[in-house]
PDB file of N, CA and C in Angstrom:
ATOM      1  N   MET A   1       4.196  19.186 -32.441  1.00  0.00           N
ATOM      2  CA  MET A   1       5.266  18.360 -31.883  1.00  0.00           C
ATOM      3  C   MET A   1       4.359  17.110 -31.350  1.00  0.00           C
ATOM      4  N   ASP A   2       4.788  15.909 -31.830  1.00  0.00           N
ATOM      5  CA  ASP A   2       4.099  14.695 -31.479  1.00  0.00           C
ATOM      6  C   ASP A   2       4.726  13.962 -30.230  1.00  0.00           C
ATOM      7  N   GLN A   3       5.906  14.255 -29.982  1.00  0.00           N
ATOM      8  CA  GLN A   3       6.564  13.380 -29.008  1.00  0.00           C
ATOM      9  C   GLN A   3       7.497  14.258 -28.271  1.00  0.00           C
ATOM     10  N   VAL A   4       7.794  13.867 -26.924  1.00  0.00           N
ATOM     11  CA  VAL A   4       8.801  14.639 -26.202  1.00  0.00           C
ATOM     12  C   VAL A   4       9.535  13.731 -25.252  1.00  0.00           C
ATOM     13  N   LYS A   5      10.723  13.969 -24.994  1.00  0.00           N
ATOM     14  CA  LYS A   5      11.503  13.194 -24.156  1.00  0.00           C
ATOM     15  C   LYS A   5      11.474  13.930 -22.749  1.00  0.00           C
ATOM     16  N   VAL A   6      11.195  13.313 -21.666  1.00  0.00           N
ATOM     17  CA  VAL A   6      11.198  13.834 -20.373  1.00  0.00           C
ATOM     18  C   VAL A   6      11.908  13.219 -19.485  1.00  0.00           C
ATOM     19  N   LYS A   7      12.479  13.757 -18.194  1.00  0.00           N
ATOM     20  CA  LYS A   7      13.171  13.160 -17.258  1.00  0.00           C
ATOM     21  C   LYS A   7      12.211  12.369 -16.428  1.00  0.00           C
ATOM     22  N   ARG A   8      12.392  11.080 -16.148  1.00  0.00           N
ATOM     23  CA  ARG A   8      11.529  10.201 -15.417  1.00  0.00           C
ATOM     24  C   ARG A   8      11.181  10.690 -14.050  1.00  0.00           C
ATOM     25  N   LEU A   9      12.147  11.103 -13.343  1.00  0.00           N
ATOM     26  CA  LEU A   9      11.889  11.549 -12.091  1.00  0.00           C
ATOM     27  C   LEU A   9      10.942  12.846 -12.025  1.00  0.00           C
ATOM     28  N   LYS A  10      11.238  13.732 -12.948  1.00  0.00           N
ATOM     29  CA  LYS A  10      10.289  14.841 -12.817  1.00  0.00           C
ATOM     30  C   LYS A  10       8.941  14.581 -13.242  1.00  0.00           C
ATOM     31  N   LEU A  11       8.814  13.538 -14.173  1.00  0.00           N
ATOM     32  CA  LEU A  11       7.427  13.142 -14.614  1.00  0.00           C
ATOM     33  C   LEU A  11       6.847  12.441 -13.532  1.00  0.00           C
ATOM     34  N   LEU A  12       7.563  11.614 -12.783  1.00  0.00           N
ATOM     35  CA  LEU A  12       7.034  10.964 -11.652  1.00  0.00           C
ATOM     36  C   LEU A  12       6.510  11.864 -10.585  1.00  0.00           C
ATOM     37  N   ALA A  13       7.324  12.973 -10.294  1.00  0.00           N
ATOM     38  CA  ALA A  13       6.879  14.035  -9.279  1.00  0.00           C
ATOM     39  C   ALA A  13       5.642  14.728  -9.807  1.00  0.00           C
ATOM     40  N   THR A  14       5.524  14.938 -11.057  1.00  0.00           N
ATOM     41  CA  THR A  14       4.367  15.671 -11.653  1.00  0.00           C
ATOM     42  C   THR A  14       3.102  14.729 -11.477  1.00  0.00           C
ATOM     43  N   ILE A  15       3.318  13.707 -11.823  1.00  0.00           N
ATOM     44  CA  ILE A  15       1.975  12.652 -11.837  1.00  0.00           C
ATOM     45  C   ILE A  15       1.686  12.464 -10.453  1.00  0.00           C
ATOM     46  N   LYS A  16       2.523  12.367  -9.308  1.00  0.00           N
ATOM     47  CA  LYS A  16       2.242  12.268  -8.021  1.00  0.00           C
ATOM     48  C   LYS A  16       1.537  13.434  -7.446  1.00  0.00           C
ATOM     49  N   LYS A  17       1.843  14.606  -7.860  1.00  0.00           N
ATOM     50  CA  LYS A  17       1.225  15.803  -7.590  1.00  0.00           C
ATOM     51  C   LYS A  17      -0.138  15.930  -8.083  1.00  0.00           C
ATOM     52  N   ASN A  18      -0.227  15.666  -9.299  1.00  0.00           N
ATOM     53  CA  ASN A  18      -1.521  15.479  -9.884  1.00  0.00           C
ATOM     54  C   ASN A  18      -2.613  14.553  -9.232  1.00  0.00           C
ATOM     55  N   ARG A  19      -1.975  13.442  -8.821  1.00  0.00           N
ATOM     56  CA  ARG A  19      -2.668  12.201  -8.111  1.00  0.00           C
ATOM     57  C   ARG A  19      -3.223  12.706  -6.867  1.00  0.00           C
ATOM     58  N   LYS A  20      -2.256  13.414  -6.051  1.00  0.00           N
ATOM     59  CA  LYS A  20      -2.599  13.990  -4.782  1.00  0.00           C
ATOM     60  C   LYS A  20      -3.836  14.896  -4.789  1.00  0.00           C
ATOM     61  N   ALA A  21      -3.769  15.805  -5.828  1.00  0.00           N
ATOM     62  CA  ALA A  21      -4.812  16.806  -6.140  1.00  0.00           C
ATOM     63  C   ALA A  21      -6.084  16.141  -6.229  1.00  0.00           C
ATOM     64  N   HIS A  22      -6.200  15.161  -7.311  1.00  0.00           N
ATOM     65  CA  HIS A  22      -7.394  14.232  -7.605  1.00  0.00           C
ATOM     66  C   HIS A  22      -7.834  13.606  -6.483  1.00  0.00           C
ATOM     67  N   ARG A  23      -7.059  12.916  -5.642  1.00  0.00           N
ATOM     68  CA  ARG A  23      -7.529  12.144  -4.556  1.00  0.00           C
ATOM     69  C   ARG A  23      -8.010  12.983  -3.405  1.00  0.00           C
ATOM     70  N   ASP A  24      -7.362  14.064  -3.248  1.00  0.00           N
ATOM     71  CA  ASP A  24      -7.914  14.965  -2.146  1.00  0.00           C
ATOM     72  C   ASP A  24      -9.300  15.604  -2.455  1.00  0.00           C
ATOM     73  N   LEU A  25      -9.388  16.055  -3.758  1.00  0.00           N
ATOM     74  CA  LEU A  25     -10.789  16.441  -4.224  1.00  0.00           C
ATOM     75  C   LEU A  25     -11.738  15.341  -4.107  1.00  0.00           C
ATOM     76  N   PHE A  26     -11.464  14.179  -4.492  1.00  0.00           N
ATOM     77  CA  PHE A  26     -12.437  13.064  -4.402  1.00  0.00           C
ATOM     78  C   PHE A  26     -12.932  12.747  -2.911  1.00  0.00           C
ATOM     79  N   LEU A  27     -11.891  12.735  -2.044  1.00  0.00           N
ATOM     80  CA  LEU A  27     -12.140  12.394  -0.607  1.00  0.00           C
ATOM     81  C   LEU A  27     -13.160  13.554  -0.136  1.00  0.00           C
ATOM     82  N   LYS A  28     -12.910  14.837  -0.444  1.00  0.00           N
ATOM     83  CA  LYS A  28     -13.949  15.832  -0.060  1.00  0.00           C
ATOM     84  C   LYS A  28     -15.236  15.692  -0.641  1.00  0.00           C
ATOM     85  N   ALA A  29     -15.184  15.217  -1.922  1.00  0.00           N
ATOM     86  CA  ALA A  29     -16.484  15.151  -2.719  1.00  0.00           C
ATOM     87  C   ALA A  29     -17.235  14.063  -1.993  1.00  0.00           C
ATOM     88  N   GLN A  30     -16.633  12.939  -1.571  1.00  0.00           N
ATOM     89  CA  GLN A  30     -17.354  11.722  -0.801  1.00  0.00           C
ATOM     90  C   GLN A  30     -18.007  12.355   0.444  1.00  0.00           C
ATOM     91  N   GLU A  31     -17.339  13.216   1.119  1.00  0.00           N
ATOM     92  CA  GLU A  31     -18.022  13.777   2.242  1.00  0.00           C
ATOM     93  C   GLU A  31     -19.365  14.624   1.856  1.00  0.00           C
ATOM     94  N   GLY A  32     -19.345  15.322   0.864  1.00  0.00           N
ATOM     95  CA  GLY A  32     -20.471  16.002   0.369  1.00  0.00           C
ATOM     96  C   GLY A  32     -21.508  15.072  -0.081  1.00  0.00           C
ATOM     97  N   TYR A  33     -21.105  14.111  -0.931  1.00  0.00           N
ATOM     98  CA  TYR A  33     -22.058  13.066  -1.464  1.00  0.00           C
ATOM     99  C   TYR A  33     -22.756  12.422  -0.323  1.00  0.00           C
ATOM    100  N   ARG A  34     -22.009  11.897   0.701  1.00  0.00           N
ATOM    101  CA  ARG A  34     -22.571  11.244   1.744  1.00  0.00           C
ATOM    102  C   ARG A  34     -23.663  12.029   2.525  1.00  0.00           C
ATOM    103  N   LYS A  35     -23.315  13.362   2.797  1.00  0.00           N
ATOM    104  CA  LYS A  35     -24.257  14.374   3.362  1.00  0.00           C
ATOM    105  C   LYS A  35     -25.570  14.466   2.568  1.00  0.00           C
ATOM    106  N   ASP A  36     -25.276  14.693   1.346  1.00  0.00           N
ATOM    107  CA  ASP A  36     -26.516  14.810   0.293  1.00  0.00           C
ATOM    108  C   ASP A  36     -27.296  13.545   0.313  1.00  0.00           C
ATOM    109  N   MET A  37     -26.720  12.443   0.266  1.00  0.00           N
ATOM    110  CA  MET A  37     -27.275  11.196   0.243  1.00  0.00           C
ATOM    111  C   MET A  37     -28.175  10.804   1.558  1.00  0.00           C
ATOM    112  N   ILE A  38     -27.607  11.151   2.759  1.00  0.00           N
ATOM    113  CA  ILE A  38     -28.364  11.068   3.873  1.00  0.00           C
ATOM    114  C   ILE A  38     -29.414  11.856   4.096  1.00  0.00           C
ATOM    115  N   GLU A  39     -29.165  13.221   3.600  1.00  0.00           N
ATOM    116  CA  GLU A  39     -30.464  14.129   3.621  1.00  0.00           C
ATOM    117  C   GLU A  39     -31.619  13.872   2.790  1.00  0.00           C
ATOM    118  N   GLU A  40     -31.157  13.167   1.575  1.00  0.00           N
ATOM    119  CA  GLU A  40     -32.263  12.636   0.623  1.00  0.00           C
ATOM    120  C   GLU A  40     -33.021  11.344   1.269  1.00  0.00           C
ATOM    121  N   LEU A  41     -32.279  10.514   1.847  1.00  0.00           N
ATOM    122  CA  LEU A  41     -32.879   9.350   2.425  1.00  0.00           C
ATOM    123  C   LEU A  41     -33.662   9.659   3.491  1.00  0.00           C
ATOM    124  N   ASP A  42     -33.272  10.725   4.423  1.00  0.00           N
ATOM    125  CA  ASP A  42     -34.056  11.142   5.434  1.00  0.00           C
ATOM    126  C   ASP A  42     -35.426  11.706   4.994  1.00  0.00           C
ATOM    127  N   ARG A  43     -35.258  12.462   3.897  1.00  0.00           N
ATOM    128  CA  ARG A  43     -36.554  13.048   3.305  1.00  0.00           C
ATOM    129  C   ARG A  43     -37.566  12.008   2.773  1.00  0.00           C
ATOM    130  N   MET A  44     -36.858  10.997   2.180  1.00  0.00           N
ATOM    131  CA  MET A  44     -37.717   9.736   1.695  1.00  0.00           C
ATOM    132  C   MET A  44     -38.345   9.037   2.883  1.00  0.00           C
ATOM    133  N   LEU A  45     -37.611   8.767   3.889  1.00  0.00           N
ATOM    134  CA  LEU A  45     -38.133   8.164   5.088  1.00  0.00           C
ATOM    135  C   LEU A  45     -39.285   9.034   5.788  1.00  0.00           C
ATOM    136  N   LYS A  46     -39.181  10.248   5.855  1.00  0.00           N
ATOM    137  CA  LYS A  46     -40.135  11.192   6.355  1.00  0.00           C
ATOM    138  C   LYS A  46     -41.461  11.010   5.534  1.00  0.00           C
ATOM    139  N   ASP A  47     -41.298  11.161   4.096  1.00  0.00           N
ATOM    140  CA  ASP A  47     -42.383  11.077   3.372  1.00  0.00           C
ATOM    141  C   ASP A  47     -43.046   9.664   3.466  1.00  0.00           C
ATOM    142  N   ALA A  48     -42.427   8.504   3.558  1.00  0.00           N
ATOM    143  CA  ALA A  48     -42.909   7.270   3.839  1.00  0.00           C
ATOM    144  C   ALA A  48     -43.696   7.290   5.106  1.00  0.00           C
ATOM    145  N   LYS A  49     -43.145   7.758   6.212  1.00  0.00           N
ATOM    146  CA  LYS A  49     -43.814   7.917   7.534  1.00  0.00           C
ATOM    147  C   LYS A  49     -45.060   8.654   7.522  1.00  0.00           C
ATOM    148  N   ASP A  50     -44.983   9.771   6.706  1.00  0.00           N
ATOM    149  CA  ASP A  50     -46.113  10.670   6.555  1.00  0.00           C
ATOM    150  C   ASP A  50     -47.161  10.195   5.645  1.00  0.00           C
ATOM    151  N   GLY A  51     -47.008   9.111   5.001  1.00  0.00           N
ATOM    152  CA  GLY A  51     -48.074   8.494   4.215  1.00  0.00           C
ATOM    153  C   GLY A  51     -48.013   9.007   2.679  1.00  0.00           C
ATOM    154  N   LYS A  52     -46.950   9.691   2.429  1.00  0.00           N
ATOM    155  CA  LYS A  52     -46.817  10.305   1.044  1.00  0.00           C
ATOM    156  C   LYS A  52     -46.362   9.275   0.219  1.00  0.00           C
ATOM    157  N   GLN A  53     -46.272   9.628  -1.312  1.00  0.00           N
ATOM    158  CA  GLN A  53     -45.726   8.615  -2.192  1.00  0.00           C
ATOM    159  C   GLN A  53     -44.373   8.170  -1.761  1.00  0.00           C
ATOM    160  N   ILE A  54     -44.151   6.914  -1.870  1.00  0.00           N
ATOM    161  CA  ILE A  54     -42.925   6.432  -1.618  1.00  0.00           C
ATOM    162  C   ILE A  54     -41.815   6.278  -2.745  1.00  0.00           C
ATOM    163  N   ARG A  55     -40.839   6.913  -2.654  1.00  0.00           N
ATOM    164  CA  ARG A  55     -39.778   6.956  -3.798  1.00  0.00           C
ATOM    165  C   ARG A  55     -38.804   5.981  -3.455  1.00  0.00           C
ATOM    166  N   ARG A  56     -38.552   5.009  -4.319  1.00  0.00           N
ATOM    167  CA  ARG A  56     -37.695   3.953  -4.020  1.00  0.00           C
ATOM    168  C   ARG A  56     -36.298   3.995  -4.608  1.00  0.00           C
ATOM    169  N   ALA A  57     -36.003   5.259  -5.351  1.00  0.00           N
ATOM    170  CA  ALA A  57     -34.730   5.255  -6.035  1.00  0.00           C
ATOM    171  C   ALA A  57     -34.269   6.768  -5.798  1.00  0.00           C
ATOM    172  N   VAL A  58     -32.974   6.895  -5.713  1.00  0.00           N
ATOM    173  CA  VAL A  58     -32.243   8.141  -5.614  1.00  0.00           C
ATOM    174  C   VAL A  58     -31.259   8.239  -6.742  1.00  0.00           C
ATOM    175  N   ILE A  59     -31.427   9.232  -7.489  1.00  0.00           N
ATOM    176  CA  ILE A  59     -30.578   9.510  -8.578  1.00  0.00           C
ATOM    177  C   ILE A  59     -29.687  10.582  -8.506  1.00  0.00           C
ATOM    178  N   MET A  60     -28.471  10.250  -7.922  1.00  0.00           N
ATOM    179  CA  MET A  60     -27.371  11.347  -7.777  1.00  0.00           C
ATOM    180  C   MET A  60     -26.043  10.810  -8.423  1.00  0.00           C
ATOM    181  N   PRO A  61     -25.441  11.603  -9.153  1.00  0.00           N
ATOM    182  CA  PRO A  61     -24.252  11.076  -9.590  1.00  0.00           C
ATOM    183  C   PRO A  61     -23.099  10.814  -8.504  1.00  0.00           C
ATOM    184  N   GLU A  62     -22.289   9.849  -8.661  1.00  0.00           N
ATOM    185  CA  GLU A  62     -21.409   9.545  -7.450  1.00  0.00           C
ATOM    186  C   GLU A  62     -20.190  10.394  -7.893  1.00  0.00           C
ATOM    187  N   PRO A  63     -19.471  10.602  -6.763  1.00  0.00           N
ATOM    188  CA  PRO A  63     -18.019  11.175  -7.074  1.00  0.00           C
ATOM    189  C   PRO A  63     -17.219  10.207  -7.674  1.00  0.00           C
ATOM    190  N   GLN A  64     -16.285  10.747  -8.549  1.00  0.00           N
ATOM    191  CA  GLN A  64     -15.460   9.703  -9.375  1.00  0.00           C
ATOM    192  C   GLN A  64     -13.954   9.688  -8.859  1.00  0.00           C
ATOM    193  N   ASP A  65     -13.616   8.534  -8.735  1.00  0.00           N
ATOM    194  CA  ASP A  65     -12.184   8.265  -8.207  1.00  0.00           C
ATOM    195  C   ASP A  65     -11.400   7.549  -9.265  1.00  0.00           C
ATOM    196  N   HIS A  66     -10.455   8.526 -10.003  1.00  0.00           N
ATOM    197  CA  HIS A  66      -9.639   7.745 -10.955  1.00  0.00           C
ATOM    198  C   HIS A  66      -8.070   7.721 -10.408  1.00  0.00           C
ATOM    199  N   THR A  67      -8.011   7.513  -9.138  1.00  0.00           N
ATOM    200  CA  THR A  67      -6.652   7.445  -8.696  1.00  0.00           C
ATOM    201  C   THR A  67      -5.931   6.194  -9.170  1.00  0.00           C
ATOM    202  N   PRO A  68      -6.662   5.042  -9.614  1.00  0.00           N
ATOM    203  CA  PRO A  68      -5.931   3.889 -10.170  1.00  0.00           C
ATOM    204  C   PRO A  68      -5.313   4.382 -11.458  1.00  0.00           C
ATOM    205  N   ASP A  69      -5.872   5.194 -12.276  1.00  0.00           N
ATOM    206  CA  ASP A  69      -5.131   5.596 -13.442  1.00  0.00           C
ATOM    207  C   ASP A  69      -3.844   6.310 -13.118  1.00  0.00           C
ATOM    208  N   TYR A  70      -3.772   7.118 -12.127  1.00  0.00           N
ATOM    209  CA  TYR A  70      -2.515   7.667 -11.640  1.00  0.00           C
ATOM    210  C   TYR A  70      -1.525   6.599 -11.157  1.00  0.00           C
ATOM    211  N   ASP A  71      -2.026   5.642 -10.447  1.00  0.00           N
ATOM    212  CA  ASP A  71      -1.270   4.562  -9.635  1.00  0.00           C
ATOM    213  C   ASP A  71      -0.600   3.701 -10.713  1.00  0.00           C
ATOM    214  N   ARG A  72      -1.360   3.404 -11.673  1.00  0.00           N
ATOM    215  CA  ARG A  72      -0.776   2.628 -12.776  1.00  0.00           C
ATOM    216  C   ARG A  72       0.522   3.192 -13.470  1.00  0.00           C
ATOM    217  N   VAL A  73       0.292   4.553 -13.834  1.00  0.00           N
ATOM    218  CA  VAL A  73       1.434   5.201 -14.469  1.00  0.00           C
ATOM    219  C   VAL A  73       2.715   5.402 -13.376  1.00  0.00           C
ATOM    220  N   ILE A  74       2.272   5.625 -12.185  1.00  0.00           N
ATOM    221  CA  ILE A  74       3.300   5.804 -11.147  1.00  0.00           C
ATOM    222  C   ILE A  74       4.223   4.691 -10.876  1.00  0.00           C
ATOM    223  N   ALA A  75       3.323   3.461 -10.844  1.00  0.00           N
ATOM    224  CA  ALA A  75       4.085   2.128 -10.750  1.00  0.00           C
ATOM    225  C   ALA A  75       5.042   1.851 -12.013  1.00  0.00           C
ATOM    226  N   MET A  76       4.478   2.053 -13.113  1.00  0.00           N
ATOM    227  CA  MET A  76       5.303   1.894 -14.313  1.00  0.00           C
ATOM    228  C   MET A  76       6.670   2.686 -14.281  1.00  0.00           C
ATOM    229  N   LEU A  77       6.571   4.074 -13.804  1.00  0.00           N
ATOM    230  CA  LEU A  77       7.590   4.843 -13.906  1.00  0.00           C
ATOM    231  C   LEU A  77       8.518   4.547 -12.711  1.00  0.00           C
ATOM    232  N   GLU A  78       8.059   4.068 -11.678  1.00  0.00           N
ATOM    233  CA  GLU A  78       8.817   3.637 -10.450  1.00  0.00           C
ATOM    234  C   GLU A  78       9.734   2.352 -10.845  1.00  0.00           C
ATOM    235  N   MET A  79       9.136   1.472 -11.734  1.00  0.00           N
ATOM    236  CA  MET A  79       9.731   0.135 -12.043  1.00  0.00           C
ATOM    237  C   MET A  79      10.667   0.431 -13.348  1.00  0.00           C
ATOM    238  N   SER A  80      10.446   1.479 -14.050  1.00  0.00           N
ATOM    239  CA  SER A  80      11.243   1.638 -15.154  1.00  0.00           C
ATOM    240  C   SER A  80      12.711   1.902 -14.772  1.00  0.00           C
ATOM    241  N   VAL A  81      13.645   1.453 -15.743  1.00  0.00           N
ATOM    242  CA  VAL A  81      15.122   1.659 -15.512  1.00  0.00           C
ATOM    243  C   VAL A  81      15.601   2.816 -16.386  1.00  0.00           C
ATOM    244  N   ASP A  82      14.679   3.405 -17.189  1.00  0.00           N
ATOM    245  CA  ASP A  82      15.015   4.423 -18.045  1.00  0.00           C
ATOM    246  C   ASP A  82      15.087   5.798 -17.241  1.00  0.00           C
ATOM    247  N   THR A  83      15.978   6.586 -17.517  1.00  0.00           N
ATOM    248  CA  THR A  83      16.126   7.863 -16.943  1.00  0.00           C
ATOM    249  C   THR A  83      15.468   9.018 -17.854  1.00  0.00           C
ATOM    250  N   VAL A  84      15.261   8.707 -19.095  1.00  0.00           N
ATOM    251  CA  VAL A  84      14.238   9.526 -19.844  1.00  0.00           C
ATOM    252  C   VAL A  84      13.198   8.596 -20.482  1.00  0.00           C
ATOM    253  N   ILE A  85      11.955   9.258 -20.485  1.00  0.00           N
ATOM    254  CA  ILE A  85      10.813   8.624 -20.927  1.00  0.00           C
ATOM    255  C   ILE A  85      10.400   9.404 -22.217  1.00  0.00           C
ATOM    256  N   GLU A  86      10.008   8.802 -23.105  1.00  0.00           N
ATOM    257  CA  GLU A  86       9.317   9.421 -24.340  1.00  0.00           C
ATOM    258  C   GLU A  86       7.923   9.398 -24.371  1.00  0.00           C
ATOM    259  N   LEU A  87       7.132  10.424 -24.439  1.00  0.00           N
ATOM    260  CA  LEU A  87       5.666  10.734 -24.387  1.00  0.00           C
ATOM    261  C   LEU A  87       5.252  11.100 -25.531  1.00  0.00           C
ATOM    262  N   ASP A  88       4.058  10.495 -26.131  1.00  0.00           N
ATOM    263  CA  ASP A  88       3.304  11.036 -27.287  1.00  0.00           C
ATOM    264  C   ASP A  88       2.439  12.245 -26.711  1.00  0.00           C
ATOM    265  N   ALA A  89       1.881  12.866 -27.610  1.00  0.00           N
ATOM    266  CA  ALA A  89       1.043  14.177 -27.112  1.00  0.00           C
ATOM    267  C   ALA A  89      -0.092  13.815 -26.207  1.00  0.00           C
ATOM    268  N   ASP A  90      -0.671  12.609 -26.493  1.00  0.00           N
ATOM    269  CA  ASP A  90      -1.762  12.305 -25.686  1.00  0.00           C
ATOM    270  C   ASP A  90      -1.346  11.888 -24.176  1.00  0.00           C
ATOM    271  N   SER A  91      -0.217  11.154 -24.143  1.00  0.00           N
ATOM    272  CA  SER A  91       0.268  10.862 -22.873  1.00  0.00           C
ATOM    273  C   SER A  91       0.812  11.958 -22.055  1.00  0.00           C
ATOM    274  N   PHE A  92       1.334  12.976 -22.760  1.00  0.00           N
ATOM    275  CA  PHE A  92       1.823  14.219 -22.049  1.00  0.00           C
ATOM    276  C   PHE A  92       0.574  15.160 -21.508  1.00  0.00           C
ATOM    277  N   ASP A  93      -0.467  15.097 -22.366  1.00  0.00           N
ATOM    278  CA  ASP A  93      -1.661  15.758 -22.147  1.00  0.00           C
ATOM    279  C   ASP A  93      -2.269  15.128 -20.607  1.00  0.00           C
ATOM    280  N   ASN A  94      -2.242  13.749 -20.664  1.00  0.00           N
ATOM    281  CA  ASN A  94      -2.760  13.056 -19.560  1.00  0.00           C
ATOM    282  C   ASN A  94      -1.890  13.220 -18.254  1.00  0.00           C
ATOM    283  N   TYR A  95      -0.665  12.963 -18.372  1.00  0.00           N
ATOM    284  CA  TYR A  95       0.227  12.905 -17.248  1.00  0.00           C
ATOM    285  C   TYR A  95       0.727  14.202 -16.728  1.00  0.00           C
ATOM    286  N   VAL A  96       1.097  15.011 -17.783  1.00  0.00           N
ATOM    287  CA  VAL A  96       1.744  16.229 -17.387  1.00  0.00           C
ATOM    288  C   VAL A  96       0.658  17.360 -17.108  1.00  0.00           C
ATOM    289  N   MET A  97      -0.201  17.462 -18.190  1.00  0.00           N
ATOM    290  CA  MET A  97      -1.228  18.538 -18.063  1.00  0.00           C
ATOM    291  C   MET A  97      -2.387  18.141 -17.329  1.00  0.00           C
ATOM    292  N   ASP A  98      -2.475  16.965 -16.865  1.00  0.00           N
ATOM    293  CA  ASP A  98      -3.530  16.388 -16.059  1.00  0.00           C
ATOM    294  C   ASP A  98      -4.861  16.698 -16.686  1.00  0.00           C
ATOM    295  N   ASN A  99      -4.878  16.483 -18.045  1.00  0.00           N
ATOM    296  CA  ASN A  99      -6.062  16.577 -18.876  1.00  0.00           C
ATOM    297  C   ASN A  99      -6.452  15.131 -19.514  1.00  0.00           C
ATOM    298  N   TRP A 100      -7.230  14.360 -18.698  1.00  0.00           N
ATOM    299  CA  TRP A 100      -7.517  12.972 -19.100  1.00  0.00           C
ATOM    300  C   TRP A 100      -8.982  13.042 -19.684  1.00  0.00           C
ATOM    301  N   ALA A 101      -9.200  11.931 -20.412  1.00  0.00           N
ATOM    302  CA  ALA A 101     -10.557  12.053 -21.060  1.00  0.00           C
ATOM    303  C   ALA A 101     -11.766  12.168 -20.078  1.00  0.00           C
ATOM    304  N   TRP A 102     -11.544  11.583 -18.948  1.00  0.00           N
ATOM    305  CA  TRP A 102     -12.676  11.655 -17.973  1.00  0.00           C
ATOM    306  C   TRP A 102     -12.700  12.863 -17.077  1.00  0.00           C
ATOM    307  N   ARG A 103     -11.604  13.628 -17.268  1.00  0.00           N
ATOM    308  CA  ARG A 103     -11.377  14.957 -16.261  1.00  0.00           C
ATOM    309  C   ARG A 103     -12.564  15.824 -16.120  1.00  0.00           C
ATOM    310  N   ALA A 104     -13.135  16.316 -17.335  1.00  0.00           N
ATOM    311  CA  ALA A 104     -14.127  17.290 -17.080  1.00  0.00           C
ATOM    312  C   ALA A 104     -15.409  16.815 -16.349  1.00  0.00           C
ATOM    313  N   ASN A 105     -15.771  15.584 -16.706  1.00  0.00           N
ATOM    314  CA  ASN A 105     -16.999  15.137 -15.799  1.00  0.00           C
ATOM    315  C   ASN A 105     -16.573  14.822 -14.346  1.00  0.00           C
ATOM    316  N   ALA A 106     -15.505  14.468 -14.211  1.00  0.00           N
ATOM    317  CA  ALA A 106     -14.954  13.965 -12.735  1.00  0.00           C
ATOM    318  C   ALA A 106     -14.928  15.148 -12.005  1.00  0.00           C
ATOM    319  N   LEU A 107     -14.294  16.326 -12.654  1.00  0.00           N
ATOM    320  CA  LEU A 107     -13.936  17.573 -11.973  1.00  0.00           C
ATOM    321  C   LEU A 107     -15.242  18.201 -11.611  1.00  0.00           C
ATOM    322  N   ALA A 108     -16.192  18.190 -12.537  1.00  0.00           N
ATOM    323  CA  ALA A 108     -17.536  18.990 -12.289  1.00  0.00           C
ATOM    324  C   ALA A 108     -18.217  18.220 -11.154  1.00  0.00           C
ATOM    325  N   THR A 109     -18.316  16.959 -11.161  1.00  0.00           N
ATOM    326  CA  THR A 109     -19.034  16.084 -10.099  1.00  0.00           C
ATOM    327  C   THR A 109     -18.385  16.365  -8.654  1.00  0.00           C
ATOM    328  N   ASN A 110     -16.991  16.037  -8.719  1.00  0.00           N
ATOM    329  CA  ASN A 110     -16.226  16.107  -7.485  1.00  0.00           C
ATOM    330  C   ASN A 110     -16.370  17.551  -6.958  1.00  0.00           C
ATOM    331  N   THR A 111     -16.105  18.465  -7.734  1.00  0.00           N
ATOM    332  CA  THR A 111     -15.953  19.923  -7.201  1.00  0.00           C
ATOM    333  C   THR A 111     -17.439  20.378  -6.591  1.00  0.00           C
ATOM    334  N   MET A 112     -18.514  19.909  -7.266  1.00  0.00           N
ATOM    335  CA  MET A 112     -19.856  20.181  -6.748  1.00  0.00           C
ATOM    336  C   MET A 112     -20.005  19.677  -5.276  1.00  0.00           C
ATOM    337  N   TYR A 113     -19.726  18.334  -5.117  1.00  0.00           N
ATOM    338  CA  TYR A 113     -19.851  17.655  -3.852  1.00  0.00           C
ATOM    339  C   TYR A 113     -18.882  18.229  -2.925  1.00  0.00           C
ATOM    340  N   ALA A 114     -17.578  18.506  -3.271  1.00  0.00           N
ATOM    341  CA  ALA A 114     -16.622  19.158  -2.366  1.00  0.00           C
ATOM    342  C   ALA A 114     -16.989  20.466  -1.840  1.00  0.00           C
ATOM    343  N   ALA A 115     -17.538  21.249  -2.729  1.00  0.00           N
ATOM    344  CA  ALA A 115     -18.026  22.608  -2.278  1.00  0.00           C
ATOM    345  C   ALA A 115     -19.193  22.388  -1.270  1.00  0.00           C
ATOM    346  N   LYS A 116     -19.942  21.578  -1.449  1.00  0.00           N
ATOM    347  CA  LYS A 116     -21.166  21.227  -0.359  1.00  0.00           C
ATOM    348  C   LYS A 116     -20.546  20.678   1.058  1.00  0.00           C
ATOM    349  N   ALA A 117     -19.512  19.927   0.886  1.00  0.00           N
ATOM    350  CA  ALA A 117     -19.023  19.494   2.038  1.00  0.00           C
ATOM    351  C   ALA A 117     -18.281  20.620   2.826  1.00  0.00           C
ATOM    352  N   GLY A 118     -17.827  21.574   2.243  1.00  0.00           N
ATOM    353  CA  GLY A 118     -17.210  22.633   2.916  1.00  0.00           C
ATOM    354  C   GLY A 118     -18.276  23.597   3.477  1.00  0.00           C
ATOM    355  N   LEU A 119     -19.331  23.555   2.926  1.00  0.00           N
ATOM    356  CA  LEU A 119     -20.367  24.497   3.580  1.00  0.00           C
ATOM    357  C   LEU A 119     -21.385  23.929   4.744  1.00  0.00           C
ATOM    358  N   ARG A 120     -21.201  22.713   4.827  1.00  0.00           N
ATOM    359  CA  ARG A 120     -21.847  22.144   5.955  1.00  0.00           C
ATOM    360  C   ARG A 120     -21.009  21.648   7.096  1.00  0.00           C
ATOM    361  N   LYS A 121     -21.667  21.389   8.262  1.00  0.00           N
ATOM    362  CA  LYS A 121     -21.053  20.902   9.430  1.00  0.00           C
ATOM    363  C   LYS A 121     -21.382  19.692   9.834  1.00  0.00           C
TER     364      LYS A 121
END
């Protein structure tokens, strides 16, 4: 099956649910990322004060926020006058199954930092 017709309001609700889950995970990941970054910068400052080699770069993948991807589709659906929307397989995979091209990488990074945020006080 290459295409499917779906009810616009049901699709809209599904995308909003997926957006909320993504955004909540991203915000939690930001907490963990900030904590990790502050700890790393504190270590670098201590090393500099202790006369050790000064590292001037921190390489840490940043949490990924793809909320605008959801927002664009939500706005389109909210403005649509159609009650039924036709989706191709790729769009269905993105919007309904929440399986975007960026998902695996974003999920791995965001989940890692979100888990760290939950472990620290």
